Amino acid sequence: MSNTLAVGKVEVPGRVWIAPMTGVSDLPFRETATRLGAAYVATEMVACAEFARGRPDAVRRAAVGKGLPLMVVQLVGRDPVFMGQGARMAADAGAQIIDLNFGCPSKQVTGGVASGSALMREPDLAEALVAAAVKAVDVPVTVKMRLGWDDHSRNAADIARRAVDAGAQAITVHGRTRCQFYKGEADWEAVAAVKAAVGVPVLVNGDIVDGDTARRALEQSGADGVMIGRGVYGRPWIAQAIEAALRGEGFREPDADERLAIAVTHFRRSLDFYGQSVGLKMFRKHLASYIEAAPWPDSEEARRIARSALCRLEDPAATEDGLANLWLGDRRLAA
């Protein structure tokens, strides 16, 4: 199997993609993961209406960055006019792929404006949103979705077919319904129906955390690639590790010193991007994940105490020192 996926006119040099994740996939994270070998890392979900209106936080989430080899912006919304405007703005800013979110299960997204995975219940509107984005830009448009709203309406194959008919160039499917949220196990086999329904690359998503789960997900779904979500927490090098496993090659996991350097570099970039105060707060989710990947403490209770102590710190220098102490085995934070 080729290690490159063609998304329209864009060649993505890898079959292991990192999913857009709210509160995670900001520019400092995307730069970190890309530097560590990820071929595809999308932005956080960006509300197309807020982005089109120029709301500062939406513009910040859509920051494509400079120097990244591939820039992907994910948009969410239910108004075709704003979807087209948002797609055009993202492409004008440098996005090379526009991804549409039909998969977010959060009540905040599916309620109210009823976007994200709520669109699985509105096939006509979902198709219209894809068509609006495709019409607005010259770059490829892709879609990320779930199997359906619930087990009684698993319509991913139909939504995918409609999306491709409207011009979508790739489809990613999380192997759960919206009503499952993240409970149970992802149904990779169910993604095979989507692969059979469309003639564009299909990626399987959900519960993929290493080479073994990636290999099994590909075998069961027949998909062309995998998308990693929560499995990347605290391990921004995971895409490269899984790529190597799928090629049958060895991969040396970063040692303790290298993991510390990765975490510190990521932290400093967050401070640079947001400013000291906001950067520290924005990094806390990553900080908690890096603590989980630290060489010690070796008990869940000790990790909880260390995580709580570090994530309450207000001083960047103290935070960096505390993180280093974990890697050096200093147990004072967990005392």
C-alpha atoms as a PDB file:
ATOM      1  CA  MET A   1       0.000   0.000   0.000  1.00  0.00           C
ATOM      2  CA  SER A   2       1.313   3.443  -0.927  1.00  0.00           C
ATOM      3  CA  ASN A   3       2.440   5.706   1.885  1.00  0.00           C
ATOM      4  CA  THR A   4       0.965   8.726   0.085  1.00  0.00           C
ATOM      5  CA  LEU A   5      -2.698   9.701  -0.103  1.00  0.00           C
ATOM      6  CA  ALA A   6      -3.934  11.933  -2.918  1.00  0.00           C
ATOM      7  CA  VAL A   7      -6.582  14.365  -1.699  1.00  0.00           C
ATOM      8  CA  GLY A   8      -7.639  16.027  -4.901  1.00  0.00           C
ATOM      9  CA  LYS A   9      -4.529  17.759  -6.161  1.00  0.00           C
ATOM     10  CA  VAL A  10      -2.797  17.611  -2.763  1.00  0.00           C
ATOM     11  CA  GLU A  11      -0.427  14.721  -2.066  1.00  0.00           C
ATOM     12  CA  VAL A  12      -0.321  13.937   1.649  1.00  0.00           C
ATOM     13  CA  PRO A  13       2.927  12.037   2.367  1.00  0.00           C
ATOM     14  CA  GLY A  14       1.516   9.738   5.019  1.00  0.00           C
ATOM     15  CA  ARG A  15      -1.407   7.475   5.914  1.00  0.00           C
ATOM     16  CA  VAL A  16      -1.496   8.434   9.595  1.00  0.00           C
ATOM     17  CA  TRP A  17      -3.262  11.736  10.129  1.00  0.00           C
ATOM     18  CA  ILE A  18      -3.848  13.652  13.356  1.00  0.00           C
ATOM     19  CA  ALA A  19      -7.425  14.718  13.968  1.00  0.00           C
ATOM     20  CA  PRO A  20      -8.666  18.220  14.660  1.00  0.00           C
ATOM     21  CA  MET A  21      -9.272  18.445  18.416  1.00  0.00           C
ATOM     22  CA  THR A  22     -10.751  21.390  20.277  1.00  0.00           C
ATOM     23  CA  GLY A  23      -8.390  22.708  22.917  1.00  0.00           C
ATOM     24  CA  VAL A  24      -5.562  20.552  21.566  1.00  0.00           C
ATOM     25  CA  SER A  25      -4.832  21.234  17.893  1.00  0.00           C
ATOM     26  CA  ASP A  26      -3.708  24.827  18.199  1.00  0.00           C
ATOM     27  CA  LEU A  27      -0.775  26.145  16.192  1.00  0.00           C
ATOM     28  CA  PRO A  28       1.928  25.320  18.790  1.00  0.00           C
ATOM     29  CA  PHE A  29       0.699  21.716  18.922  1.00  0.00           C
ATOM     30  CA  ARG A  30       0.507  21.422  15.133  1.00  0.00           C
ATOM     31  CA  GLU A  31       4.033  22.768  14.802  1.00  0.00           C
ATOM     32  CA  THR A  32       5.248  20.280  17.414  1.00  0.00           C
ATOM     33  CA  ALA A  33       3.563  17.263  15.811  1.00  0.00           C
ATOM     34  CA  THR A  34       4.707  18.270  12.329  1.00  0.00           C
ATOM     35  CA  ARG A  35       8.291  18.671  13.509  1.00  0.00           C
ATOM     36  CA  LEU A  36       8.047  15.140  14.923  1.00  0.00           C
ATOM     37  CA  GLY A  37       6.978  13.619  11.617  1.00  0.00           C
ATOM     38  CA  ALA A  38       3.194  14.027  11.286  1.00  0.00           C
ATOM     39  CA  ALA A  39       2.214  14.497   7.635  1.00  0.00           C
ATOM     40  CA  TYR A  40      -1.266  15.873   8.381  1.00  0.00           C
ATOM     41  CA  VAL A  41      -2.408  17.845  11.422  1.00  0.00           C
ATOM     42  CA  ALA A  42      -5.635  19.850  11.173  1.00  0.00           C
ATOM     43  CA  THR A  43      -6.593  22.941  13.128  1.00  0.00           C
ATOM     44  CA  GLU A  44      -9.069  22.920  15.934  1.00  0.00           C
ATOM     45  CA  MET A  45     -12.693  23.007  14.852  1.00  0.00           C
ATOM     46  CA  VAL A  46     -13.442  26.585  13.730  1.00  0.00           C
ATOM     47  CA  ALA A  47     -17.013  27.934  13.704  1.00  0.00           C
ATOM     48  CA  CYS A  48     -17.449  29.181  10.146  1.00  0.00           C
ATOM     49  CA  ALA A  49     -19.918  31.952  11.046  1.00  0.00           C
ATOM     50  CA  GLU A  50     -17.655  33.379  13.756  1.00  0.00           C
ATOM     51  CA  PHE A  51     -14.642  33.050  11.482  1.00  0.00           C
ATOM     52  CA  ALA A  52     -16.409  34.793   8.600  1.00  0.00           C
ATOM     53  CA  ARG A  53     -17.358  37.634  10.951  1.00  0.00           C
ATOM     54  CA  GLY A  54     -13.740  37.977  12.059  1.00  0.00           C
ATOM     55  CA  ARG A  55     -14.213  36.993  15.697  1.00  0.00           C
ATOM     56  CA  PRO A  56     -10.666  37.022  17.159  1.00  0.00           C
ATOM     57  CA  ASP A  57     -10.746  33.630  18.882  1.00  0.00           C
ATOM     58  CA  ALA A  58     -12.050  31.945  15.720  1.00  0.00           C
ATOM     59  CA  VAL A  59      -9.366  33.638  13.640  1.00  0.00           C
ATOM     60  CA  ARG A  60      -6.738  32.467  16.128  1.00  0.00           C
ATOM     61  CA  ARG A  61      -7.970  28.860  15.978  1.00  0.00           C
ATOM     62  CA  ALA A  62      -7.798  29.013  12.181  1.00  0.00           C
ATOM     63  CA  ALA A  63      -4.182  30.216  12.193  1.00  0.00           C
ATOM     64  CA  VAL A  64      -2.493  28.130   9.526  1.00  0.00           C
ATOM     65  CA  GLY A  65       1.027  29.142  10.499  1.00  0.00           C
ATOM     66  CA  LYS A  66       4.031  29.718   8.316  1.00  0.00           C
ATOM     67  CA  GLY A  67       6.439  27.040   7.254  1.00  0.00           C
ATOM     68  CA  LEU A  68       4.188  24.041   7.880  1.00  0.00           C
ATOM     69  CA  PRO A  69       4.365  21.651   4.910  1.00  0.00           C
ATOM     70  CA  LEU A  70       0.592  21.079   4.955  1.00  0.00           C
ATOM     71  CA  MET A  71      -2.036  23.471   6.282  1.00  0.00           C
ATOM     72  CA  VAL A  72      -5.518  22.079   6.998  1.00  0.00           C
ATOM     73  CA  VAL A  73      -8.390  24.091   8.484  1.00  0.00           C
ATOM     74  CA  GLN A  74     -11.500  22.388   9.843  1.00  0.00           C
ATOM     75  CA  LEU A  75     -14.781  24.315   9.742  1.00  0.00           C
ATOM     76  CA  VAL A  76     -18.059  23.623  11.520  1.00  0.00           C
ATOM     77  CA  GLY A  77     -21.478  25.190  11.018  1.00  0.00           C
ATOM     78  CA  ARG A  78     -24.844  24.777   9.349  1.00  0.00           C
ATOM     79  CA  ASP A  79     -25.193  27.866   7.139  1.00  0.00           C
ATOM     80  CA  PRO A  80     -23.982  27.250   3.562  1.00  0.00           C
ATOM     81  CA  VAL A  81     -23.319  30.974   3.043  1.00  0.00           C
ATOM     82  CA  PHE A  82     -21.031  31.219   6.063  1.00  0.00           C
ATOM     83  CA  MET A  83     -19.458  27.863   5.197  1.00  0.00           C
ATOM     84  CA  GLY A  84     -18.516  29.181   1.781  1.00  0.00           C
ATOM     85  CA  GLN A  85     -17.200  32.432   3.233  1.00  0.00           C
ATOM     86  CA  GLY A  86     -15.220  30.648   5.924  1.00  0.00           C
ATOM     87  CA  ALA A  87     -13.719  28.228   3.410  1.00  0.00           C
ATOM     88  CA  ARG A  88     -12.700  31.108   1.157  1.00  0.00           C
ATOM     89  CA  MET A  89     -11.089  33.005   4.039  1.00  0.00           C
ATOM     90  CA  ALA A  90      -9.187  29.911   5.153  1.00  0.00           C
ATOM     91  CA  ALA A  91      -7.933  29.218   1.635  1.00  0.00           C
ATOM     92  CA  ASP A  92      -6.937  32.850   1.173  1.00  0.00           C
ATOM     93  CA  ALA A  93      -4.944  32.597   4.420  1.00  0.00           C
ATOM     94  CA  GLY A  94      -3.021  29.604   3.068  1.00  0.00           C
ATOM     95  CA  ALA A  95      -5.079  26.513   3.884  1.00  0.00           C
ATOM     96  CA  GLN A  96      -4.367  23.728   1.389  1.00  0.00           C
ATOM     97  CA  ILE A  97      -7.248  21.508   2.525  1.00  0.00           C
ATOM     98  CA  ILE A  98     -10.606  22.508   4.027  1.00  0.00           C
ATOM     99  CA  ASP A  99     -12.205  19.867   6.259  1.00  0.00           C
ATOM    100  CA  LEU A 100     -15.873  20.036   7.284  1.00  0.00           C
ATOM    101  CA  ASN A 101     -16.951  18.746  10.683  1.00  0.00           C
ATOM    102  CA  PHE A 102     -19.971  16.439  10.604  1.00  0.00           C
ATOM    103  CA  GLY A 103     -18.698  14.419  13.553  1.00  0.00           C
ATOM    104  CA  CYS A 104     -18.367  16.454  16.757  1.00  0.00           C
ATOM    105  CA  PRO A 105     -20.718  14.850  19.330  1.00  0.00           C
ATOM    106  CA  SER A 106     -20.633  17.599  21.954  1.00  0.00           C
ATOM    107  CA  LYS A 107     -23.994  18.867  23.163  1.00  0.00           C
ATOM    108  CA  GLN A 108     -22.773  22.436  22.768  1.00  0.00           C
ATOM    109  CA  VAL A 109     -22.218  21.824  19.047  1.00  0.00           C
ATOM    110  CA  THR A 110     -25.119  19.493  18.257  1.00  0.00           C
ATOM    111  CA  GLY A 111     -27.619  21.518  20.273  1.00  0.00           C
ATOM    112  CA  GLY A 112     -28.464  25.132  19.565  1.00  0.00           C
ATOM    113  CA  VAL A 113     -27.165  25.680  16.034  1.00  0.00           C
ATOM    114  CA  ALA A 114     -27.275  21.895  15.459  1.00  0.00           C
ATOM    115  CA  SER A 115     -23.999  21.396  13.631  1.00  0.00           C
ATOM    116  CA  GLY A 116     -21.246  18.781  13.938  1.00  0.00           C
ATOM    117  CA  SER A 117     -22.699  15.279  14.106  1.00  0.00           C
ATOM    118  CA  ALA A 118     -26.244  16.716  14.191  1.00  0.00           C
ATOM    119  CA  LEU A 119     -25.792  17.094  10.428  1.00  0.00           C
ATOM    120  CA  MET A 120     -25.912  13.298  10.137  1.00  0.00           C
ATOM    121  CA  ARG A 121     -29.670  13.767  10.642  1.00  0.00           C
ATOM    122  CA  GLU A 122     -29.882  16.326   7.828  1.00  0.00           C
ATOM    123  CA  PRO A 123     -28.378  14.756   4.689  1.00  0.00           C
ATOM    124  CA  ASP A 124     -29.634  17.474   2.344  1.00  0.00           C
ATOM    125  CA  LEU A 125     -28.095  20.242   4.433  1.00  0.00           C
ATOM    126  CA  ALA A 126     -24.859  18.285   4.841  1.00  0.00           C
ATOM    127  CA  GLU A 127     -24.607  17.971   1.067  1.00  0.00           C
ATOM    128  CA  ALA A 128     -25.365  21.679   0.622  1.00  0.00           C
ATOM    129  CA  LEU A 129     -22.587  22.621   3.045  1.00  0.00           C
ATOM    130  CA  VAL A 130     -20.056  20.573   1.094  1.00  0.00           C
ATOM    131  CA  ALA A 131     -21.248  22.080  -2.174  1.00  0.00           C
ATOM    132  CA  ALA A 132     -20.929  25.610  -0.769  1.00  0.00           C
ATOM    133  CA  ALA A 133     -17.360  25.033   0.394  1.00  0.00           C
ATOM    134  CA  VAL A 134     -16.350  23.334  -2.865  1.00  0.00           C
ATOM    135  CA  LYS A 135     -17.798  26.192  -4.904  1.00  0.00           C
ATOM    136  CA  ALA A 136     -15.957  28.786  -2.809  1.00  0.00           C
ATOM    137  CA  VAL A 137     -12.405  27.429  -3.048  1.00  0.00           C
ATOM    138  CA  ASP A 138      -9.925  25.854  -5.422  1.00  0.00           C
ATOM    139  CA  VAL A 139      -8.376  23.644  -2.730  1.00  0.00           C
ATOM    140  CA  PRO A 140      -9.710  20.173  -1.801  1.00  0.00           C
ATOM    141  CA  VAL A 141     -12.644  19.922   0.593  1.00  0.00           C
ATOM    142  CA  THR A 142     -12.923  16.879   2.870  1.00  0.00           C
ATOM    143  CA  VAL A 143     -15.414  15.687   5.494  1.00  0.00           C
ATOM    144  CA  LYS A 144     -15.054  14.085   8.930  1.00  0.00           C
ATOM    145  CA  MET A 145     -18.151  12.293  10.216  1.00  0.00           C
ATOM    146  CA  ARG A 146     -19.484   9.564  12.481  1.00  0.00           C
ATOM    147  CA  LEU A 147     -21.334   6.362  11.627  1.00  0.00           C
ATOM    148  CA  GLY A 148     -24.624   8.161  12.164  1.00  0.00           C
ATOM    149  CA  TRP A 149     -26.645   9.844  14.870  1.00  0.00           C
ATOM    150  CA  ASP A 150     -27.477   6.600  16.673  1.00  0.00           C
ATOM    151  CA  ASP A 151     -27.614   2.866  16.033  1.00  0.00           C
ATOM    152  CA  HIS A 152     -31.003   3.235  14.373  1.00  0.00           C
ATOM    153  CA  SER A 153     -29.644   5.657  11.776  1.00  0.00           C
ATOM    154  CA  ARG A 154     -26.204   4.532  10.677  1.00  0.00           C
ATOM    155  CA  ASN A 155     -26.160   6.523   7.451  1.00  0.00           C
ATOM    156  CA  ALA A 156     -22.470   7.333   7.042  1.00  0.00           C
ATOM    157  CA  ALA A 157     -22.289   5.632   3.633  1.00  0.00           C
ATOM    158  CA  ASP A 158     -25.156   7.759   2.316  1.00  0.00           C
ATOM    159  CA  ILE A 159     -23.763  11.005   3.749  1.00  0.00           C
ATOM    160  CA  ALA A 160     -20.334  10.162   2.339  1.00  0.00           C
ATOM    161  CA  ARG A 161     -21.782   9.422  -1.096  1.00  0.00           C
ATOM    162  CA  ARG A 162     -23.646  12.724  -1.076  1.00  0.00           C
ATOM    163  CA  ALA A 163     -20.533  14.579   0.072  1.00  0.00           C
ATOM    164  CA  VAL A 164     -18.432  13.102  -2.724  1.00  0.00           C
ATOM    165  CA  ASP A 165     -21.152  13.873  -5.264  1.00  0.00           C
ATOM    166  CA  ALA A 166     -20.943  17.479  -4.035  1.00  0.00           C
ATOM    167  CA  GLY A 167     -17.180  17.510  -4.544  1.00  0.00           C
ATOM    168  CA  ALA A 168     -15.558  16.187  -1.349  1.00  0.00           C
ATOM    169  CA  GLN A 169     -12.128  14.664  -1.994  1.00  0.00           C
ATOM    170  CA  ALA A 170     -11.703  12.502   1.133  1.00  0.00           C
ATOM    171  CA  ILE A 171     -13.832  11.149   3.975  1.00  0.00           C
ATOM    172  CA  THR A 172     -12.876  10.335   7.568  1.00  0.00           C
ATOM    173  CA  VAL A 173     -15.236   8.219   9.672  1.00  0.00           C
ATOM    174  CA  HIS A 174     -15.129   7.822  13.437  1.00  0.00           C
ATOM    175  CA  GLY A 175     -16.371   4.326  14.195  1.00  0.00           C
ATOM    176  CA  ARG A 176     -19.039   5.389  16.675  1.00  0.00           C
ATOM    177  CA  THR A 177     -22.406   7.081  16.426  1.00  0.00           C
ATOM    178  CA  ARG A 178     -22.997  10.477  17.943  1.00  0.00           C
ATOM    179  CA  CYS A 179     -25.064   9.007  20.759  1.00  0.00           C
ATOM    180  CA  GLN A 180     -22.178   6.754  21.757  1.00  0.00           C
ATOM    181  CA  PHE A 181     -19.925   9.771  22.282  1.00  0.00           C
ATOM    182  CA  TYR A 182     -16.700   7.909  23.235  1.00  0.00           C
ATOM    183  CA  LYS A 183     -18.279   4.945  25.019  1.00  0.00           C
ATOM    184  CA  GLY A 184     -17.723   1.346  24.033  1.00  0.00           C
ATOM    185  CA  GLU A 185     -15.368   0.406  21.223  1.00  0.00           C
ATOM    186  CA  ALA A 186     -15.068   1.959  17.780  1.00  0.00           C
ATOM    187  CA  ASP A 187     -16.688  -0.205  15.098  1.00  0.00           C
ATOM    188  CA  TRP A 188     -13.996  -0.233  12.428  1.00  0.00           C
ATOM    189  CA  GLU A 189     -15.801  -2.854  10.344  1.00  0.00           C
ATOM    190  CA  ALA A 190     -18.737  -0.482   9.869  1.00  0.00           C
ATOM    191  CA  VAL A 191     -16.449   1.958   8.058  1.00  0.00           C
ATOM    192  CA  ALA A 192     -16.093  -0.599   5.249  1.00  0.00           C
ATOM    193  CA  ALA A 193     -19.531   0.413   3.942  1.00  0.00           C
ATOM    194  CA  VAL A 194     -18.268   3.958   3.448  1.00  0.00           C
ATOM    195  CA  LYS A 195     -15.155   2.736   1.674  1.00  0.00           C
ATOM    196  CA  ALA A 196     -17.341   0.695  -0.686  1.00  0.00           C
ATOM    197  CA  ALA A 197     -19.626   3.660  -1.359  1.00  0.00           C
ATOM    198  CA  VAL A 198     -17.096   6.246  -2.530  1.00  0.00           C
ATOM    199  CA  GLY A 199     -14.119   6.499  -4.821  1.00  0.00           C
ATOM    200  CA  VAL A 200     -12.027   8.907  -2.749  1.00  0.00           C
ATOM    201  CA  PRO A 201      -9.621   8.167   0.121  1.00  0.00           C
ATOM    202  CA  VAL A 202     -11.348   7.028   3.309  1.00  0.00           C
ATOM    203  CA  LEU A 203      -9.729   7.233   6.729  1.00  0.00           C
ATOM    204  CA  VAL A 204     -10.828   5.293   9.793  1.00  0.00           C
ATOM    205  CA  ASN A 205     -10.831   6.987  13.195  1.00  0.00           C
ATOM    206  CA  GLY A 206     -11.495   5.921  16.778  1.00  0.00           C
ATOM    207  CA  ASP A 207      -9.478   3.972  19.388  1.00  0.00           C
ATOM    208  CA  ILE A 208      -6.308   3.956  17.271  1.00  0.00           C
ATOM    209  CA  VAL A 209      -3.361   4.400  19.614  1.00  0.00           C
ATOM    210  CA  ASP A 210      -0.459   2.375  18.206  1.00  0.00           C
ATOM    211  CA  GLY A 211       0.730   0.315  15.270  1.00  0.00           C
ATOM    212  CA  ASP A 212      -1.314  -2.742  16.220  1.00  0.00           C
ATOM    213  CA  THR A 213      -4.629  -0.904  16.509  1.00  0.00           C
ATOM    214  CA  ALA A 214      -3.884   1.011  13.307  1.00  0.00           C
ATOM    215  CA  ARG A 215      -3.185  -2.206  11.421  1.00  0.00           C
ATOM    216  CA  ARG A 216      -6.356  -3.867  12.686  1.00  0.00           C
ATOM    217  CA  ALA A 217      -8.457  -0.794  11.929  1.00  0.00           C
ATOM    218  CA  LEU A 218      -7.177  -0.754   8.349  1.00  0.00           C
ATOM    219  CA  GLU A 219      -7.758  -4.481   7.902  1.00  0.00           C
ATOM    220  CA  GLN A 220     -11.308  -4.376   9.263  1.00  0.00           C
ATOM    221  CA  SER A 221     -12.386  -1.193   7.488  1.00  0.00           C
ATOM    222  CA  GLY A 222     -10.493  -1.474   4.214  1.00  0.00           C
ATOM    223  CA  ALA A 223      -9.707   2.225   4.673  1.00  0.00           C
ATOM    224  CA  ASP A 224      -6.800   3.974   3.012  1.00  0.00           C
ATOM    225  CA  GLY A 225      -5.435   5.542   6.169  1.00  0.00           C
ATOM    226  CA  VAL A 226      -6.049   6.189   9.848  1.00  0.00           C
ATOM    227  CA  MET A 227      -6.741   9.325  11.832  1.00  0.00           C
ATOM    228  CA  ILE A 228      -5.475   9.569  15.403  1.00  0.00           C
ATOM    229  CA  GLY A 229      -7.383  11.580  17.996  1.00  0.00           C
ATOM    230  CA  ARG A 230      -7.004  11.093  21.730  1.00  0.00           C
ATOM    231  CA  GLY A 231      -4.110   8.684  21.191  1.00  0.00           C
ATOM    232  CA  VAL A 232      -1.841  11.640  20.470  1.00  0.00           C
ATOM    233  CA  TYR A 233      -2.283  13.204  23.913  1.00  0.00           C
ATOM    234  CA  GLY A 234       1.161  13.582  25.445  1.00  0.00           C
ATOM    235  CA  ARG A 235       2.694  11.752  22.464  1.00  0.00           C
ATOM    236  CA  PRO A 236       2.948  14.200  19.543  1.00  0.00           C
ATOM    237  CA  TRP A 237       5.395  11.814  17.848  1.00  0.00           C
ATOM    238  CA  ILE A 238       2.766   9.046  17.539  1.00  0.00           C
ATOM    239  CA  ALA A 239       2.071   9.550  13.827  1.00  0.00           C
ATOM    240  CA  GLN A 240       5.674   8.793  12.928  1.00  0.00           C
ATOM    241  CA  ALA A 241       5.680   5.746  15.216  1.00  0.00           C
ATOM    242  CA  ILE A 242       2.528   4.316  13.630  1.00  0.00           C
ATOM    243  CA  GLU A 243       3.727   5.073  10.102  1.00  0.00           C
ATOM    244  CA  ALA A 244       6.865   3.056  10.846  1.00  0.00           C
ATOM    245  CA  ALA A 245       4.833   0.169  12.257  1.00  0.00           C
ATOM    246  CA  LEU A 246       2.600   0.055   9.178  1.00  0.00           C
ATOM    247  CA  ARG A 247       5.704  -0.133   6.987  1.00  0.00           C
ATOM    248  CA  GLY A 248       7.066  -2.956   9.121  1.00  0.00           C
ATOM    249  CA  GLU A 249       9.934  -0.814  10.339  1.00  0.00           C
ATOM    250  CA  GLY A 250      11.258  -0.250  13.824  1.00  0.00           C
ATOM    251  CA  PHE A 251      10.786   3.009  15.665  1.00  0.00           C
ATOM    252  CA  ARG A 252      12.720   4.239  18.659  1.00  0.00           C
ATOM    253  CA  GLU A 253      10.401   5.967  21.095  1.00  0.00           C
ATOM    254  CA  PRO A 254      11.828   9.212  22.487  1.00  0.00           C
ATOM    255  CA  ASP A 255      13.736   8.592  25.699  1.00  0.00           C
ATOM    256  CA  ALA A 256      13.041  10.522  28.900  1.00  0.00           C
ATOM    257  CA  ASP A 257      15.370  13.403  28.055  1.00  0.00           C
ATOM    258  CA  GLU A 258      13.927  13.713  24.559  1.00  0.00           C
ATOM    259  CA  ARG A 259      10.351  13.680  25.866  1.00  0.00           C
ATOM    260  CA  LEU A 260      11.216  16.437  28.297  1.00  0.00           C
ATOM    261  CA  ALA A 261      12.774  18.495  25.499  1.00  0.00           C
ATOM    262  CA  ILE A 262       9.655  18.008  23.362  1.00  0.00           C
ATOM    263  CA  ALA A 263       7.369  19.110  26.197  1.00  0.00           C
ATOM    264  CA  VAL A 264       9.482  22.153  27.080  1.00  0.00           C
ATOM    265  CA  THR A 265       9.826  23.282  23.464  1.00  0.00           C
ATOM    266  CA  HIS A 266       6.063  22.922  23.003  1.00  0.00           C
ATOM    267  CA  PHE A 267       5.439  24.884  26.218  1.00  0.00           C
ATOM    268  CA  ARG A 268       7.726  27.738  25.209  1.00  0.00           C
ATOM    269  CA  ARG A 269       6.084  27.951  21.791  1.00  0.00           C
ATOM    270  CA  SER A 270       2.688  28.195  23.484  1.00  0.00           C
ATOM    271  CA  LEU A 271       3.953  31.108  25.573  1.00  0.00           C
ATOM    272  CA  ASP A 272       5.306  32.809  22.456  1.00  0.00           C
ATOM    273  CA  PHE A 273       2.077  32.314  20.517  1.00  0.00           C
ATOM    274  CA  TYR A 274      -0.462  33.358  23.164  1.00  0.00           C
ATOM    275  CA  GLY A 275       1.604  35.465  25.545  1.00  0.00           C
ATOM    276  CA  GLN A 276       2.797  34.376  28.986  1.00  0.00           C
ATOM    277  CA  SER A 277      -0.473  34.337  30.933  1.00  0.00           C
ATOM    278  CA  VAL A 278      -2.806  32.949  28.259  1.00  0.00           C
ATOM    279  CA  GLY A 279      -0.113  30.614  26.935  1.00  0.00           C
ATOM    280  CA  LEU A 280       0.275  28.996  30.348  1.00  0.00           C
ATOM    281  CA  LYS A 281      -3.464  28.425  30.678  1.00  0.00           C
ATOM    282  CA  MET A 282      -3.824  27.121  27.116  1.00  0.00           C
ATOM    283  CA  PHE A 283      -0.984  24.652  27.666  1.00  0.00           C
ATOM    284  CA  ARG A 284      -2.470  23.027  30.758  1.00  0.00           C
ATOM    285  CA  LYS A 285      -4.341  20.371  28.788  1.00  0.00           C
ATOM    286  CA  HIS A 286      -1.087  19.400  27.093  1.00  0.00           C
ATOM    287  CA  LEU A 287       0.762  19.644  30.404  1.00  0.00           C
ATOM    288  CA  ALA A 288      -1.577  17.109  31.989  1.00  0.00           C
ATOM    289  CA  SER A 289      -1.006  14.751  29.056  1.00  0.00           C
ATOM    290  CA  TYR A 290       2.764  15.104  29.197  1.00  0.00           C
ATOM    291  CA  ILE A 291       2.643  14.290  32.914  1.00  0.00           C
ATOM    292  CA  GLU A 292       0.848  11.055  32.045  1.00  0.00           C
ATOM    293  CA  ALA A 293       3.764  10.213  29.734  1.00  0.00           C
ATOM    294  CA  ALA A 294       6.469  11.103  32.273  1.00  0.00           C
ATOM    295  CA  PRO A 295       8.819   8.329  33.519  1.00  0.00           C
ATOM    296  CA  TRP A 296       7.374   8.637  37.005  1.00  0.00           C
ATOM    297  CA  PRO A 297       5.362   8.802  39.236  1.00  0.00           C
ATOM    298  CA  ASP A 298       4.379   5.190  38.785  1.00  0.00           C
ATOM    299  CA  SER A 299       1.054   5.278  40.621  1.00  0.00           C
ATOM    300  CA  GLU A 300      -2.160   6.898  39.437  1.00  0.00           C
ATOM    301  CA  GLU A 301      -2.578   8.740  42.728  1.00  0.00           C
ATOM    302  CA  ALA A 302       0.932  10.202  42.546  1.00  0.00           C
ATOM    303  CA  ARG A 303       0.325  11.283  38.955  1.00  0.00           C
ATOM    304  CA  ARG A 304      -2.940  12.911  39.977  1.00  0.00           C
ATOM    305  CA  ILE A 305      -1.194  14.879  42.720  1.00  0.00           C
ATOM    306  CA  ALA A 306       1.627  15.944  40.401  1.00  0.00           C
ATOM    307  CA  ARG A 307      -0.841  16.913  37.687  1.00  0.00           C
ATOM    308  CA  SER A 308      -2.920  18.958  40.106  1.00  0.00           C
ATOM    309  CA  ALA A 309       0.136  20.741  41.503  1.00  0.00           C
ATOM    310  CA  LEU A 310       1.655  21.638  38.137  1.00  0.00           C
ATOM    311  CA  CYS A 311      -1.603  22.684  36.511  1.00  0.00           C
ATOM    312  CA  ARG A 312      -2.278  25.171  39.323  1.00  0.00           C
ATOM    313  CA  LEU A 313       1.001  27.030  38.889  1.00  0.00           C
ATOM    314  CA  GLU A 314       0.730  30.589  37.567  1.00  0.00           C
ATOM    315  CA  ASP A 315       4.405  31.190  36.838  1.00  0.00           C
ATOM    316  CA  PRO A 316       5.826  29.833  33.546  1.00  0.00           C
ATOM    317  CA  ALA A 317       9.325  29.359  34.971  1.00  0.00           C
ATOM    318  CA  ALA A 318       7.998  27.395  37.937  1.00  0.00           C
ATOM    319  CA  THR A 319       5.880  25.288  35.592  1.00  0.00           C
ATOM    320  CA  GLU A 320       8.878  24.438  33.433  1.00  0.00           C
ATOM    321  CA  ASP A 321      10.983  23.615  36.491  1.00  0.00           C
ATOM    322  CA  GLY A 322       8.245  21.389  37.886  1.00  0.00           C
ATOM    323  CA  LEU A 323       7.943  19.534  34.608  1.00  0.00           C
ATOM    324  CA  ALA A 324      11.702  18.976  34.540  1.00  0.00           C
ATOM    325  CA  ASN A 325      11.616  17.717  38.126  1.00  0.00           C
ATOM    326  CA  LEU A 326       9.203  14.980  37.110  1.00  0.00           C
ATOM    327  CA  TRP A 327      11.588  13.735  34.464  1.00  0.00           C
ATOM    328  CA  LEU A 328      14.494  13.935  36.900  1.00  0.00           C
ATOM    329  CA  GLY A 329      12.595  11.831  39.406  1.00  0.00           C
ATOM    330  CA  ASP A 330      12.190  14.575  41.988  1.00  0.00           C
ATOM    331  CA  ARG A 331       9.216  13.415  44.087  1.00  0.00           C
ATOM    332  CA  ARG A 332       8.648  16.655  45.970  1.00  0.00           C
ATOM    333  CA  LEU A 333       5.566  17.555  43.898  1.00  0.00           C
ATOM    334  CA  ALA A 334       3.902  14.278  44.813  1.00  0.00           C
ATOM    335  CA  ALA A 335       4.873  14.381  48.478  1.00  0.00           C
END
